[in-house]
C-alpha atoms as a PDB file:
ATOM      1  CA  MET A   1      43.372   2.237   1.191  1.00  0.00           C
ATOM      2  CA  ALA A   2      41.712   5.376   1.113  1.00  0.00           C
ATOM      3  CA  ASP A   3      42.916   8.107   3.605  1.00  0.00           C
ATOM      4  CA  ALA A   4      40.484  10.399   5.632  1.00  0.00           C
ATOM      5  CA  ALA A   5      41.174  13.210   3.489  1.00  0.00           C
ATOM      6  CA  SER A   6      39.716  11.505   0.363  1.00  0.00           C
ATOM      7  CA  HIS A   7      36.438  11.234   2.191  1.00  0.00           C
ATOM      8  CA  ALA A   8      36.388  14.852   3.713  1.00  0.00           C
ATOM      9  CA  GLN A   9      33.739  17.275   2.525  1.00  0.00           C
ATOM     10  CA  PRO A  10      35.109  20.446   0.905  1.00  0.00           C
ATOM     11  CA  SER A  11      35.114  23.372   3.282  1.00  0.00           C
ATOM     12  CA  GLY A  12      31.543  24.961   3.266  1.00  0.00           C
ATOM     13  CA  MET A  13      30.054  22.204   1.094  1.00  0.00           C
ATOM     14  CA  LYS A  14      26.839  20.764   2.285  1.00  0.00           C
ATOM     15  CA  ARG A  15      26.757  16.859   2.363  1.00  0.00           C
ATOM     16  CA  LEU A  16      23.694  16.531  -0.448  1.00  0.00           C
ATOM     17  CA  GLN A  17      24.830  19.567  -2.658  1.00  0.00           C
ATOM     18  CA  GLY A  18      23.558  19.265  -6.293  1.00  0.00           C
ATOM     19  CA  LYS A  19      21.689  15.837  -5.488  1.00  0.00           C
ATOM     20  CA  VAL A  20      18.093  15.399  -6.177  1.00  0.00           C
ATOM     21  CA  ALA A  21      15.832  13.252  -3.753  1.00  0.00           C
ATOM     22  CA  ILE A  22      12.302  11.822  -3.959  1.00  0.00           C
ATOM     23  CA  VAL A  23      10.759  11.588  -0.391  1.00  0.00           C
ATOM     24  CA  THR A  24       7.289   9.898  -0.236  1.00  0.00           C
ATOM     25  CA  GLY A  25       4.817  10.549   2.592  1.00  0.00           C
ATOM     26  CA  ALA A  26       6.596  13.979   2.797  1.00  0.00           C
ATOM     27  CA  GLY A  27       3.546  15.645   4.644  1.00  0.00           C
ATOM     28  CA  SER A  28       2.717  15.595   8.285  1.00  0.00           C
ATOM     29  CA  LYS A  29      -0.826  15.694   9.935  1.00  0.00           C
ATOM     30  CA  GLY A  30      -1.417  18.540  12.276  1.00  0.00           C
ATOM     31  CA  SER A  31       1.430  20.634  13.947  1.00  0.00           C
ATOM     32  CA  GLY A  32       3.865  17.872  14.570  1.00  0.00           C
ATOM     33  CA  VAL A  33       6.602  16.550  12.468  1.00  0.00           C
ATOM     34  CA  GLY A  34       6.546  13.090  10.927  1.00  0.00           C
ATOM     35  CA  THR A  35       9.484  11.305   9.615  1.00  0.00           C
ATOM     36  CA  GLY A  36       8.864  11.975   5.818  1.00  0.00           C
ATOM     37  CA  LYS A  37       8.598  15.514   6.527  1.00  0.00           C
ATOM     38  CA  ALA A  38      11.790  15.723   8.747  1.00  0.00           C
ATOM     39  CA  ILE A  39      13.625  13.538   6.087  1.00  0.00           C
ATOM     40  CA  ALA A  40      12.860  16.002   3.233  1.00  0.00           C
ATOM     41  CA  VAL A  41      13.672  19.089   5.459  1.00  0.00           C
ATOM     42  CA  ARG A  42      17.139  17.699   6.556  1.00  0.00           C
ATOM     43  CA  PHE A  43      17.902  16.738   2.696  1.00  0.00           C
ATOM     44  CA  ALA A  44      17.060  20.282   1.717  1.00  0.00           C
ATOM     45  CA  GLN A  45      19.037  21.747   4.678  1.00  0.00           C
ATOM     46  CA  GLU A  46      22.075  19.618   3.217  1.00  0.00           C
ATOM     47  CA  GLY A  47      21.701  21.069  -0.425  1.00  0.00           C
ATOM     48  CA  ALA A  48      19.366  18.522  -1.856  1.00  0.00           C
ATOM     49  CA  SER A  49      16.457  19.473  -4.531  1.00  0.00           C
ATOM     50  CA  VAL A  50      13.702  17.426  -3.068  1.00  0.00           C
ATOM     51  CA  VAL A  51      10.473  16.138  -4.791  1.00  0.00           C
ATOM     52  CA  LEU A  52       7.734  15.747  -2.041  1.00  0.00           C
ATOM     53  CA  VAL A  53       5.143  13.057  -2.761  1.00  0.00           C
ATOM     54  CA  ASP A  54       1.977  12.907  -0.599  1.00  0.00           C
ATOM     55  CA  ARG A  55      -1.703  12.438  -1.243  1.00  0.00           C
ATOM     56  CA  HIS A  56      -2.449  15.454   0.882  1.00  0.00           C
ATOM     57  CA  GLU A  57      -1.707  18.787  -0.778  1.00  0.00           C
ATOM     58  CA  ASP A  58      -2.094  21.055   2.308  1.00  0.00           C
ATOM     59  CA  ARG A  59       0.520  18.823   4.108  1.00  0.00           C
ATOM     60  CA  LEU A  60       2.932  18.828   1.010  1.00  0.00           C
ATOM     61  CA  ALA A  61       2.434  22.696   0.981  1.00  0.00           C
ATOM     62  CA  GLU A  62       3.691  23.126   4.686  1.00  0.00           C
ATOM     63  CA  THR A  63       6.784  20.866   3.842  1.00  0.00           C
ATOM     64  CA  ARG A  64       7.625  22.699   0.762  1.00  0.00           C
ATOM     65  CA  GLY A  65       7.184  26.169   2.489  1.00  0.00           C
ATOM     66  CA  TRP A  66       9.616  25.190   5.431  1.00  0.00           C
ATOM     67  CA  ILE A  67      12.131  24.204   2.606  1.00  0.00           C
ATOM     68  CA  GLU A  68      11.718  27.255   0.588  1.00  0.00           C
ATOM     69  CA  ARG A  69      11.800  29.566   3.547  1.00  0.00           C
ATOM     70  CA  GLU A  70      15.268  28.101   4.464  1.00  0.00           C
ATOM     71  CA  GLY A  71      16.474  28.710   0.829  1.00  0.00           C
ATOM     72  CA  GLY A  72      16.023  25.252  -0.459  1.00  0.00           C
ATOM     73  CA  LYS A  73      14.279  23.908  -3.606  1.00  0.00           C
ATOM     74  CA  ALA A  74      11.371  21.588  -3.694  1.00  0.00           C
ATOM     75  CA  ALA A  75       8.806  20.418  -6.187  1.00  0.00           C
ATOM     76  CA  VAL A  76       5.691  18.517  -5.123  1.00  0.00           C
ATOM     77  CA  VAL A  77       3.676  15.687  -6.544  1.00  0.00           C
ATOM     78  CA  VAL A  78      -0.002  15.247  -5.081  1.00  0.00           C
ATOM     79  CA  SER A  79      -1.163  11.679  -5.654  1.00  0.00           C
ATOM     80  CA  ASP A  80      -1.860   8.338  -3.755  1.00  0.00           C
ATOM     81  CA  LEU A  81       1.286   6.137  -4.349  1.00  0.00           C
ATOM     82  CA  THR A  82      -1.408   3.249  -5.488  1.00  0.00           C
ATOM     83  CA  ALA A  83      -2.735   5.324  -8.237  1.00  0.00           C
ATOM     84  CA  PRO A  84      -1.783   3.846 -11.809  1.00  0.00           C
ATOM     85  CA  ASP A  85       0.348   6.678 -13.071  1.00  0.00           C
ATOM     86  CA  VAL A  86       2.011   8.012  -9.986  1.00  0.00           C
ATOM     87  CA  ASN A  87       5.484   6.654 -10.690  1.00  0.00           C
ATOM     88  CA  ARG A  88       5.606   8.138 -14.086  1.00  0.00           C
ATOM     89  CA  ARG A  89       4.517  11.376 -12.727  1.00  0.00           C
ATOM     90  CA  ILE A  90       7.054  11.316  -9.779  1.00  0.00           C
ATOM     91  CA  VAL A  91       9.841  10.514 -12.175  1.00  0.00           C
ATOM     92  CA  ASP A  92       8.743  13.041 -14.708  1.00  0.00           C
ATOM     93  CA  GLU A  93       8.639  15.841 -11.936  1.00  0.00           C
ATOM     94  CA  ALA A  94      11.995  14.951 -10.795  1.00  0.00           C
ATOM     95  CA  ILE A  95      13.612  14.755 -14.218  1.00  0.00           C
ATOM     96  CA  GLY A  96      11.763  17.727 -15.524  1.00  0.00           C
ATOM     97  CA  GLN A  97      12.340  20.213 -12.564  1.00  0.00           C
ATOM     98  CA  PHE A  98      15.774  19.159 -11.571  1.00  0.00           C
ATOM     99  CA  GLY A  99      17.421  16.783 -14.339  1.00  0.00           C
ATOM    100  CA  ARG A 100      18.469  13.837 -12.418  1.00  0.00           C
ATOM    101  CA  ILE A 101      17.437  11.431  -9.568  1.00  0.00           C
ATOM    102  CA  ASP A 102      20.055  10.513  -6.989  1.00  0.00           C
ATOM    103  CA  LEU A 103      18.259   9.538  -3.903  1.00  0.00           C
ATOM    104  CA  MET A 104      14.883   7.880  -3.016  1.00  0.00           C
ATOM    105  CA  VAL A 105      13.473   7.470   0.520  1.00  0.00           C
ATOM    106  CA  SER A 106      10.189   5.454   0.585  1.00  0.00           C
ATOM    107  CA  ASN A 107       8.413   6.599   3.726  1.00  0.00           C
ATOM    108  CA  ALA A 108       4.791   6.522   2.907  1.00  0.00           C
ATOM    109  CA  ALA A 109       2.957   4.041   5.001  1.00  0.00           C
ATOM    110  CA  ALA A 110      -0.632   2.484   5.736  1.00  0.00           C
ATOM    111  CA  TYR A 111      -1.627   1.010   8.803  1.00  0.00           C
ATOM    112  CA  SER A 112      -4.523  -1.373   9.851  1.00  0.00           C
ATOM    113  CA  GLN A 113      -5.476  -1.832  13.571  1.00  0.00           C
ATOM    114  CA  ALA A 114      -7.754  -4.842  12.814  1.00  0.00           C
ATOM    115  CA  LYS A 115      -6.875  -7.913  14.693  1.00  0.00           C
ATOM    116  CA  PHE A 116      -5.324 -10.800  12.879  1.00  0.00           C
ATOM    117  CA  LEU A 117      -8.422 -13.038  12.887  1.00  0.00           C
ATOM    118  CA  GLU A 118     -10.489  -9.968  11.894  1.00  0.00           C
ATOM    119  CA  THR A 119      -8.403  -8.674   9.033  1.00  0.00           C
ATOM    120  CA  SER A 120     -10.212  -8.700   5.699  1.00  0.00           C
ATOM    121  CA  PRO A 121      -8.459  -9.653   2.370  1.00  0.00           C
ATOM    122  CA  GLU A 122      -9.241  -5.987   1.319  1.00  0.00           C
ATOM    123  CA  GLU A 123      -7.613  -4.484   4.436  1.00  0.00           C
ATOM    124  CA  LEU A 124      -4.625  -6.830   3.818  1.00  0.00           C
ATOM    125  CA  ARG A 125      -4.137  -5.678   0.196  1.00  0.00           C
ATOM    126  CA  GLN A 126      -4.519  -1.941   1.026  1.00  0.00           C
ATOM    127  CA  VAL A 127      -1.763  -2.082   3.388  1.00  0.00           C
ATOM    128  CA  VAL A 128       0.589  -4.292   1.373  1.00  0.00           C
ATOM    129  CA  GLU A 129      -0.072  -2.147  -1.767  1.00  0.00           C
ATOM    130  CA  VAL A 130       0.993   1.152  -0.039  1.00  0.00           C
ATOM    131  CA  ASN A 131       3.720  -0.353   2.072  1.00  0.00           C
ATOM    132  CA  LEU A 132       5.415  -2.847  -0.104  1.00  0.00           C
ATOM    133  CA  ILE A 133       4.160  -2.607  -3.786  1.00  0.00           C
ATOM    134  CA  ALA A 134       4.372   0.981  -3.965  1.00  0.00           C
ATOM    135  CA  PRO A 135       8.096   1.036  -2.906  1.00  0.00           C
ATOM    136  CA  PHE A 136       8.776  -1.977  -5.314  1.00  0.00           C
ATOM    137  CA  LEU A 137       7.274  -0.003  -8.385  1.00  0.00           C
ATOM    138  CA  LEU A 138       8.721   3.236  -7.584  1.00  0.00           C
ATOM    139  CA  SER A 139      11.993   1.802  -7.326  1.00  0.00           C
ATOM    140  CA  GLN A 140      11.574   0.189 -10.605  1.00  0.00           C
ATOM    141  CA  ALA A 141      10.841   3.529 -12.030  1.00  0.00           C
ATOM    142  CA  VAL A 142      13.864   5.351 -10.418  1.00  0.00           C
ATOM    143  CA  ILE A 143      16.686   2.883 -10.737  1.00  0.00           C
ATOM    144  CA  PRO A 144      17.253   3.441 -14.526  1.00  0.00           C
ATOM    145  CA  HIS A 145      17.661   6.983 -13.662  1.00  0.00           C
ATOM    146  CA  MET A 146      19.949   6.649 -10.866  1.00  0.00           C
ATOM    147  CA  ILE A 147      22.216   4.390 -13.490  1.00  0.00           C
ATOM    148  CA  ASP A 148      22.155   7.268 -15.803  1.00  0.00           C
ATOM    149  CA  ALA A 149      23.272   9.747 -13.045  1.00  0.00           C
ATOM    150  CA  GLY A 150      26.159   7.150 -12.050  1.00  0.00           C
ATOM    151  CA  GLY A 151      24.792   5.752  -9.076  1.00  0.00           C
ATOM    152  CA  GLY A 152      22.221   6.471  -6.248  1.00  0.00           C
ATOM    153  CA  SER A 153      20.790   5.607  -2.704  1.00  0.00           C
ATOM    154  CA  ILE A 154      17.511   4.048  -1.871  1.00  0.00           C
ATOM    155  CA  THR A 155      16.221   4.031   1.665  1.00  0.00           C
ATOM    156  CA  TYR A 156      13.113   2.134   2.796  1.00  0.00           C
ATOM    157  CA  ILE A 157      11.476   3.353   5.973  1.00  0.00           C
ATOM    158  CA  SER A 158      10.407  -0.173   7.685  1.00  0.00           C
ATOM    159  CA  SER A 159       9.538  -0.612  11.482  1.00  0.00           C
ATOM    160  CA  ILE A 160      11.031  -2.460  14.545  1.00  0.00           C
ATOM    161  CA  LEU A 161       7.348  -3.920  14.533  1.00  0.00           C
ATOM    162  CA  ALA A 162       8.508  -6.148  11.641  1.00  0.00           C
ATOM    163  CA  MET A 163      11.242  -7.246  14.060  1.00  0.00           C
ATOM    164  CA  ARG A 164       9.450  -8.060  17.287  1.00  0.00           C
ATOM    165  CA  GLY A 165       5.747  -8.208  18.426  1.00  0.00           C
ATOM    166  CA  GLY A 166       3.296  -5.688  19.148  1.00  0.00           C
ATOM    167  CA  GLY A 167       2.334  -4.495  15.944  1.00  0.00           C
ATOM    168  CA  ALA A 168      -0.770  -5.146  13.440  1.00  0.00           C
ATOM    169  CA  SER A 169       0.026  -8.122  11.315  1.00  0.00           C
ATOM    170  CA  PRO A 170      -0.566  -6.440   7.951  1.00  0.00           C
ATOM    171  CA  TYR A 171       1.489  -3.701   8.985  1.00  0.00           C
ATOM    172  CA  ALA A 172       4.368  -5.893  10.282  1.00  0.00           C
ATOM    173  CA  ALA A 173       4.422  -8.162   7.225  1.00  0.00           C
ATOM    174  CA  SER A 174       4.483  -5.635   4.566  1.00  0.00           C
ATOM    175  CA  LYS A 175       7.382  -3.857   6.576  1.00  0.00           C
ATOM    176  CA  ALA A 176       9.228  -7.076   6.768  1.00  0.00           C
ATOM    177  CA  GLY A 177       8.955  -7.305   3.016  1.00  0.00           C
ATOM    178  CA  LEU A 178      11.046  -4.100   2.466  1.00  0.00           C
ATOM    179  CA  MET A 179      13.825  -5.600   4.291  1.00  0.00           C
ATOM    180  CA  GLY A 180      13.989  -8.354   1.843  1.00  0.00           C
ATOM    181  CA  LEU A 181      13.734  -6.048  -1.065  1.00  0.00           C
ATOM    182  CA  THR A 182      16.554  -4.175   0.492  1.00  0.00           C
ATOM    183  CA  THR A 183      18.692  -7.183   0.381  1.00  0.00           C
ATOM    184  CA  SER A 184      17.656  -8.255  -2.980  1.00  0.00           C
ATOM    185  CA  LEU A 185      18.265  -4.837  -4.580  1.00  0.00           C
ATOM    186  CA  ALA A 186      21.509  -4.204  -2.682  1.00  0.00           C
ATOM    187  CA  ASN A 187      23.064  -7.168  -4.390  1.00  0.00           C
ATOM    188  CA  THR A 188      21.383  -6.658  -7.865  1.00  0.00           C
ATOM    189  CA  PHE A 189      22.315  -3.133  -8.616  1.00  0.00           C
ATOM    190  CA  GLY A 190      25.502  -2.358  -6.079  1.00  0.00           C
ATOM    191  CA  THR A 191      28.035  -2.832  -8.951  1.00  0.00           C
ATOM    192  CA  GLN A 192      26.178  -0.063 -11.019  1.00  0.00           C
ATOM    193  CA  GLY A 193      26.701   2.460  -7.911  1.00  0.00           C
ATOM    194  CA  ILE A 194      23.249   2.006  -6.284  1.00  0.00           C
ATOM    195  CA  ARG A 195      23.215   1.393  -2.523  1.00  0.00           C
ATOM    196  CA  VAL A 196      19.777   0.366  -0.913  1.00  0.00           C
ATOM    197  CA  ASN A 197      19.450   0.458   2.967  1.00  0.00           C
ATOM    198  CA  CYS A 198      16.432   0.037   5.215  1.00  0.00           C
ATOM    199  CA  ILE A 199      15.717   2.148   8.346  1.00  0.00           C
ATOM    200  CA  ALA A 200      13.534   0.438  11.081  1.00  0.00           C
ATOM    201  CA  PRO A 201      12.354   3.286  13.428  1.00  0.00           C
ATOM    202  CA  GLY A 202      11.047   2.542  16.956  1.00  0.00           C
ATOM    203  CA  MET A 203       7.999   4.216  18.370  1.00  0.00           C
ATOM    204  CA  VAL A 204       9.407   7.623  17.812  1.00  0.00           C
ATOM    205  CA  ASP A 205       7.391  10.814  18.603  1.00  0.00           C
ATOM    206  CA  THR A 206       5.347  11.516  15.289  1.00  0.00           C
ATOM    207  CA  PRO A 207       1.816  12.534  14.473  1.00  0.00           C
ATOM    208  CA  MET A 208       1.133   9.289  12.992  1.00  0.00           C
ATOM    209  CA  ARG A 209       2.242   7.475  16.330  1.00  0.00           C
ATOM    210  CA  ASN A 210       0.145   9.761  18.561  1.00  0.00           C
ATOM    211  CA  GLU A 211      -3.036   9.263  16.195  1.00  0.00           C
ATOM    212  CA  LEU A 212      -2.722   5.466  16.404  1.00  0.00           C
ATOM    213  CA  ILE A 213      -2.250   5.711  20.442  1.00  0.00           C
ATOM    214  CA  ALA A 214      -5.371   7.960  20.685  1.00  0.00           C
ATOM    215  CA  ARG A 215      -7.440   5.524  18.421  1.00  0.00           C
ATOM    216  CA  SER A 216      -6.292   2.303  20.549  1.00  0.00           C
ATOM    217  CA  GLY A 217      -7.591   4.125  23.781  1.00  0.00           C
ATOM    218  CA  VAL A 218      -4.359   2.532  25.429  1.00  0.00           C
ATOM    219  CA  ASP A 219      -2.242   4.840  28.045  1.00  0.00           C
ATOM    220  CA  PRO A 220       0.277   6.315  26.008  1.00  0.00           C
ATOM    221  CA  SER A 221       2.831   5.838  28.950  1.00  0.00           C
ATOM    222  CA  LYS A 222       2.540   2.227  28.265  1.00  0.00           C
ATOM    223  CA  ILE A 223       3.393   2.471  24.559  1.00  0.00           C
ATOM    224  CA  GLY A 224       7.129   2.993  23.551  1.00  0.00           C
ATOM    225  CA  GLY A 225       8.573   6.145  25.138  1.00  0.00           C
ATOM    226  CA  SER A 226      11.729   6.554  27.008  1.00  0.00           C
ATOM    227  CA  ALA A 227      10.949   3.539  29.283  1.00  0.00           C
ATOM    228  CA  ALA A 228      11.167   1.354  26.250  1.00  0.00           C
ATOM    229  CA  THR A 229      14.698   2.316  25.239  1.00  0.00           C
ATOM    230  CA  SER A 230      18.111   1.375  26.432  1.00  0.00           C
ATOM    231  CA  LEU A 231      18.852   4.916  26.407  1.00  0.00           C
ATOM    232  CA  GLY A 232      16.024   6.019  28.750  1.00  0.00           C
ATOM    233  CA  VAL A 233      15.017   8.667  26.424  1.00  0.00           C
ATOM    234  CA  ALA A 234      12.393   8.957  23.485  1.00  0.00           C
ATOM    235  CA  GLY A 235      13.324   9.586  20.015  1.00  0.00           C
ATOM    236  CA  ASP A 236      11.635  11.785  17.279  1.00  0.00           C
ATOM    237  CA  ALA A 237      11.222  12.107  13.705  1.00  0.00           C
ATOM    238  CA  TRP A 238      14.578  14.023  13.302  1.00  0.00           C
ATOM    239  CA  ASP A 239      16.517  10.869  14.760  1.00  0.00           C
ATOM    240  CA  VAL A 240      15.214   8.989  11.639  1.00  0.00           C
ATOM    241  CA  ALA A 241      15.834  11.833   9.519  1.00  0.00           C
ATOM    242  CA  ASN A 242      19.581  12.038  10.286  1.00  0.00           C
ATOM    243  CA  ALA A 243      20.033   8.275   9.754  1.00  0.00           C
ATOM    244  CA  ALA A 244      18.674   8.563   6.402  1.00  0.00           C
ATOM    245  CA  LEU A 245      20.792  11.533   5.631  1.00  0.00           C
ATOM    246  CA  PHE A 246      23.918   9.460   6.662  1.00  0.00           C
ATOM    247  CA  LEU A 247      22.846   6.620   4.430  1.00  0.00           C
ATOM    248  CA  GLY A 248      22.060   8.949   1.545  1.00  0.00           C
ATOM    249  CA  CYS A 249      25.343  11.021   1.712  1.00  0.00           C
ATOM    250  CA  ASP A 250      29.039  10.456   0.568  1.00  0.00           C
ATOM    251  CA  GLU A 251      29.790   9.503   4.403  1.00  0.00           C
ATOM    252  CA  GLY A 252      27.601   6.241   4.043  1.00  0.00           C
ATOM    253  CA  SER A 253      29.149   5.250   0.714  1.00  0.00           C
ATOM    254  CA  TYR A 254      30.343   1.958   1.952  1.00  0.00           C
ATOM    255  CA  LEU A 255      26.965   1.039   3.698  1.00  0.00           C
ATOM    256  CA  THR A 256      24.344  -1.143   1.468  1.00  0.00           C
ATOM    257  CA  GLY A 257      22.037  -4.052   2.268  1.00  0.00           C
ATOM    258  CA  LEU A 258      22.003  -2.672   5.800  1.00  0.00           C
ATOM    259  CA  LEU A 259      18.968  -2.918   8.274  1.00  0.00           C
ATOM    260  CA  LEU A 260      19.285  -0.065  10.616  1.00  0.00           C
ATOM    261  CA  PRO A 261      17.051   0.206  13.866  1.00  0.00           C
ATOM    262  CA  VAL A 262      16.556   3.850  15.007  1.00  0.00           C
ATOM    263  CA  ASP A 263      15.107   2.969  18.223  1.00  0.00           C
ATOM    264  CA  GLY A 264      17.299   4.002  20.891  1.00  0.00           C
ATOM    265  CA  GLY A 265      17.957   0.324  21.603  1.00  0.00           C
ATOM    266  CA  THR A 266      14.505  -0.893  21.934  1.00  0.00           C
ATOM    267  CA  THR A 267      15.174  -4.196  19.984  1.00  0.00           C
ATOM    268  CA  THR A 268      18.157  -5.080  22.344  1.00  0.00           C
ATOM    269  CA  ARG A 269      15.737  -5.237  25.310  1.00  0.00           C
ATOM    270  CA  MET A 270      14.155  -8.449  26.948  1.00  0.00           C
ATOM    271  CA  GLY A 271      11.130  -6.813  28.087  1.00  0.00           C
END
């Protein structure tokens, strides 16, 4: 049995020192901090070089600027994740700039507020293409490079809306698909040193959540927030980022195939 010293970080070493990470949906709308932006910044703070992917150039520039102001390294790929050549571009950028791929966090998401009986096939396809097909295909592109690097970590950002009622059906169904993908890949590639896990955030405070609430016209106090949690406090993007960091670093090296709700206990509650 390994002792504690064998898992301890060398003094002064950051938890992702020398690692290369890809984070999709790495920009945030407006002045707030979304989960992708928070994950990218936390990874960089812990020593990773980060490839930032988003379809909004200005949002990527803001995240990259934050990382570089703190002395970190980042590269950007501006693209819609449904574009035909996007996965090749992402991999080429990571290998060309930093020489390897160790970590991938699939965070980018699409959401449709259409009611189930009013959802068109086109709306369903658009949500599934971003939320499930894009992570599937990006994983296909990066896993061979992770194998070459001696292993790696993939983390999918799902949602508790895939586990309980309250979310739009296309979003919930596509996010649930990430859970099945997690289980499959964790078992397929575990012996090659690749760990695959899934985080299911609750209704944490992010620009995307706030925009969806504004569009819905529902009283914000009745959607998520501190009253919905077991802890009595609301979460934010940094809570998700810290969970992703733990799953991706050596301290999480015995965790794979895991579905981790980051929700303050929301999914444990009856009401």
